[in-house]
Amino acid sequence: MQANVIGRSKIWPVHQRVAELGGHLRTGLEDTIYLPDGSKAESNGPLIEQLAKVARNAGLEVATPQELRVMLGFGLKPLEAATAL
């Protein structure tokens, strides 16, 4: 499950619910420039930090960049990608 949300303050409860349901989360300045407290994010970093908190609040683990590469099959040969998970 995944929700693509764009906006200001109302996106953060949606992210939280998606996380509670075990869904995939993503964010970036293309989606919102606002952090949960209403302040403006200067870059993607603070948005990602907040989304990681949302995931952890729901009891989810946050994938490392390397784990994500494996999950998506980046840099692996087709047979390796099929058996990586």
C-alpha atoms as a PDB file:
ATOM      1  CA  MET A   1       0.000   0.000   0.000  1.00  0.00           C
ATOM      2  CA  GLN A   2       1.109   3.514  -0.727  1.00  0.00           C
ATOM      3  CA  ALA A   3      -0.545   6.932  -0.656  1.00  0.00           C
ATOM      4  CA  ASN A   4       0.745   9.789  -2.759  1.00  0.00           C
ATOM      5  CA  VAL A   5      -0.099  12.904  -0.820  1.00  0.00           C
ATOM      6  CA  ILE A   6       0.602  16.512  -1.678  1.00  0.00           C
ATOM      7  CA  GLY A   7      -0.153  19.425   0.575  1.00  0.00           C
ATOM      8  CA  ARG A   8       0.565  21.011   3.892  1.00  0.00           C
ATOM      9  CA  SER A   9      -0.484  19.856   7.356  1.00  0.00           C
ATOM     10  CA  LYS A  10      -3.066  17.227   6.419  1.00  0.00           C
ATOM     11  CA  ILE A  11      -0.513  14.967   4.739  1.00  0.00           C
ATOM     12  CA  TRP A  12       1.175  13.916   7.986  1.00  0.00           C
ATOM     13  CA  PRO A  13      -1.836  12.063   9.458  1.00  0.00           C
ATOM     14  CA  VAL A  14      -2.220  10.282   6.108  1.00  0.00           C
ATOM     15  CA  HIS A  15       1.450   9.237   6.220  1.00  0.00           C
ATOM     16  CA  GLN A  16       0.926   7.967   9.768  1.00  0.00           C
ATOM     17  CA  ARG A  17      -2.096   5.882   8.800  1.00  0.00           C
ATOM     18  CA  VAL A  18      -0.320   4.412   5.772  1.00  0.00           C
ATOM     19  CA  ALA A  19       2.569   3.457   8.065  1.00  0.00           C
ATOM     20  CA  GLU A  20       0.167   1.873  10.576  1.00  0.00           C
ATOM     21  CA  LEU A  21      -1.248  -0.220   7.738  1.00  0.00           C
ATOM     22  CA  GLY A  22       2.276  -1.330   6.774  1.00  0.00           C
ATOM     23  CA  GLY A  23       2.477   0.699   3.595  1.00  0.00           C
ATOM     24  CA  HIS A  24       5.416   2.214   1.788  1.00  0.00           C
ATOM     25  CA  LEU A  25       6.301   5.818   2.564  1.00  0.00           C
ATOM     26  CA  ARG A  26       7.974   8.495   0.468  1.00  0.00           C
ATOM     27  CA  THR A  27       8.286  12.257   0.598  1.00  0.00           C
ATOM     28  CA  GLY A  28      10.217  15.137  -0.870  1.00  0.00           C
ATOM     29  CA  LEU A  29      10.003  18.829  -1.625  1.00  0.00           C
ATOM     30  CA  GLU A  30       8.007  17.938  -4.737  1.00  0.00           C
ATOM     31  CA  ASP A  31       5.194  16.796  -2.408  1.00  0.00           C
ATOM     32  CA  THR A  32       5.359  19.337   0.404  1.00  0.00           C
ATOM     33  CA  ILE A  33       7.660  21.977   1.796  1.00  0.00           C
ATOM     34  CA  TYR A  34       6.058  21.818   5.244  1.00  0.00           C
ATOM     35  CA  LEU A  35       7.136  19.811   8.256  1.00  0.00           C
ATOM     36  CA  PRO A  36       4.541  18.496  10.731  1.00  0.00           C
ATOM     37  CA  ASP A  37       4.945  21.583  12.947  1.00  0.00           C
ATOM     38  CA  GLY A  38       4.118  23.877  10.012  1.00  0.00           C
ATOM     39  CA  SER A  39       7.650  25.166   9.501  1.00  0.00           C
ATOM     40  CA  LYS A  40       9.200  25.067   6.049  1.00  0.00           C
ATOM     41  CA  ALA A  41      11.763  22.401   5.200  1.00  0.00           C
ATOM     42  CA  GLU A  42      14.974  23.724   3.666  1.00  0.00           C
ATOM     43  CA  SER A  43      15.705  20.414   1.913  1.00  0.00           C
ATOM     44  CA  ASN A  44      14.487  16.838   1.596  1.00  0.00           C
ATOM     45  CA  GLY A  45      16.539  15.767   4.637  1.00  0.00           C
ATOM     46  CA  PRO A  46      14.201  17.115   7.338  1.00  0.00           C
ATOM     47  CA  LEU A  47      11.164  15.716   5.503  1.00  0.00           C
ATOM     48  CA  ILE A  48      12.759  12.273   5.369  1.00  0.00           C
ATOM     49  CA  GLU A  49      13.728  12.481   9.049  1.00  0.00           C
ATOM     50  CA  GLN A  50      10.098  13.231   9.936  1.00  0.00           C
ATOM     51  CA  LEU A  51       8.824  10.409   7.747  1.00  0.00           C
ATOM     52  CA  ALA A  52      11.260   8.015   9.423  1.00  0.00           C
ATOM     53  CA  LYS A  53       9.752   9.061  12.786  1.00  0.00           C
ATOM     54  CA  VAL A  54       6.284   8.354  11.386  1.00  0.00           C
ATOM     55  CA  ALA A  55       7.426   4.878  10.333  1.00  0.00           C
ATOM     56  CA  ARG A  56       9.074   4.117  13.673  1.00  0.00           C
ATOM     57  CA  ASN A  57       5.975   5.354  15.555  1.00  0.00           C
ATOM     58  CA  ALA A  58       4.051   2.684  13.641  1.00  0.00           C
ATOM     59  CA  GLY A  59       6.615   0.022  14.608  1.00  0.00           C
ATOM     60  CA  LEU A  60       8.211  -0.160  11.154  1.00  0.00           C
ATOM     61  CA  GLU A  61      11.894  -0.495  10.363  1.00  0.00           C
ATOM     62  CA  VAL A  62      13.410   2.054   8.007  1.00  0.00           C
ATOM     63  CA  ALA A  63      15.410   0.519   5.167  1.00  0.00           C
ATOM     64  CA  THR A  64      18.998   1.600   4.655  1.00  0.00           C
ATOM     65  CA  PRO A  65      19.984   2.838   1.195  1.00  0.00           C
ATOM     66  CA  GLN A  66      21.725  -0.497   0.555  1.00  0.00           C
ATOM     67  CA  GLU A  67      18.682  -2.504   1.655  1.00  0.00           C
ATOM     68  CA  LEU A  68      16.488  -0.434  -0.637  1.00  0.00           C
ATOM     69  CA  ARG A  69      18.829  -1.006  -3.574  1.00  0.00           C
ATOM     70  CA  VAL A  70      18.533  -4.745  -3.004  1.00  0.00           C
ATOM     71  CA  MET A  71      14.733  -4.553  -2.628  1.00  0.00           C
ATOM     72  CA  LEU A  72      14.476  -2.671  -5.911  1.00  0.00           C
ATOM     73  CA  GLY A  73      17.065  -4.819  -7.657  1.00  0.00           C
ATOM     74  CA  PHE A  74      19.362  -1.909  -8.517  1.00  0.00           C
ATOM     75  CA  GLY A  75      22.868  -2.937  -9.472  1.00  0.00           C
ATOM     76  CA  LEU A  76      22.058  -6.642  -9.405  1.00  0.00           C
ATOM     77  CA  LYS A  77      22.008  -9.083 -12.270  1.00  0.00           C
ATOM     78  CA  PRO A  78      18.470 -10.341 -13.076  1.00  0.00           C
ATOM     79  CA  LEU A  79      18.916 -13.694 -11.298  1.00  0.00           C
ATOM     80  CA  GLU A  80      20.429 -12.021  -8.218  1.00  0.00           C
ATOM     81  CA  ALA A  81      17.560  -9.512  -8.115  1.00  0.00           C
ATOM     82  CA  ALA A  82      14.976 -12.294  -8.263  1.00  0.00           C
ATOM     83  CA  THR A  83      16.529 -14.143  -5.324  1.00  0.00           C
ATOM     84  CA  ALA A  84      17.648 -11.131  -3.234  1.00  0.00           C
ATOM     85  CA  LEU A  85      14.477 -10.988  -1.188  1.00  0.00           C
END
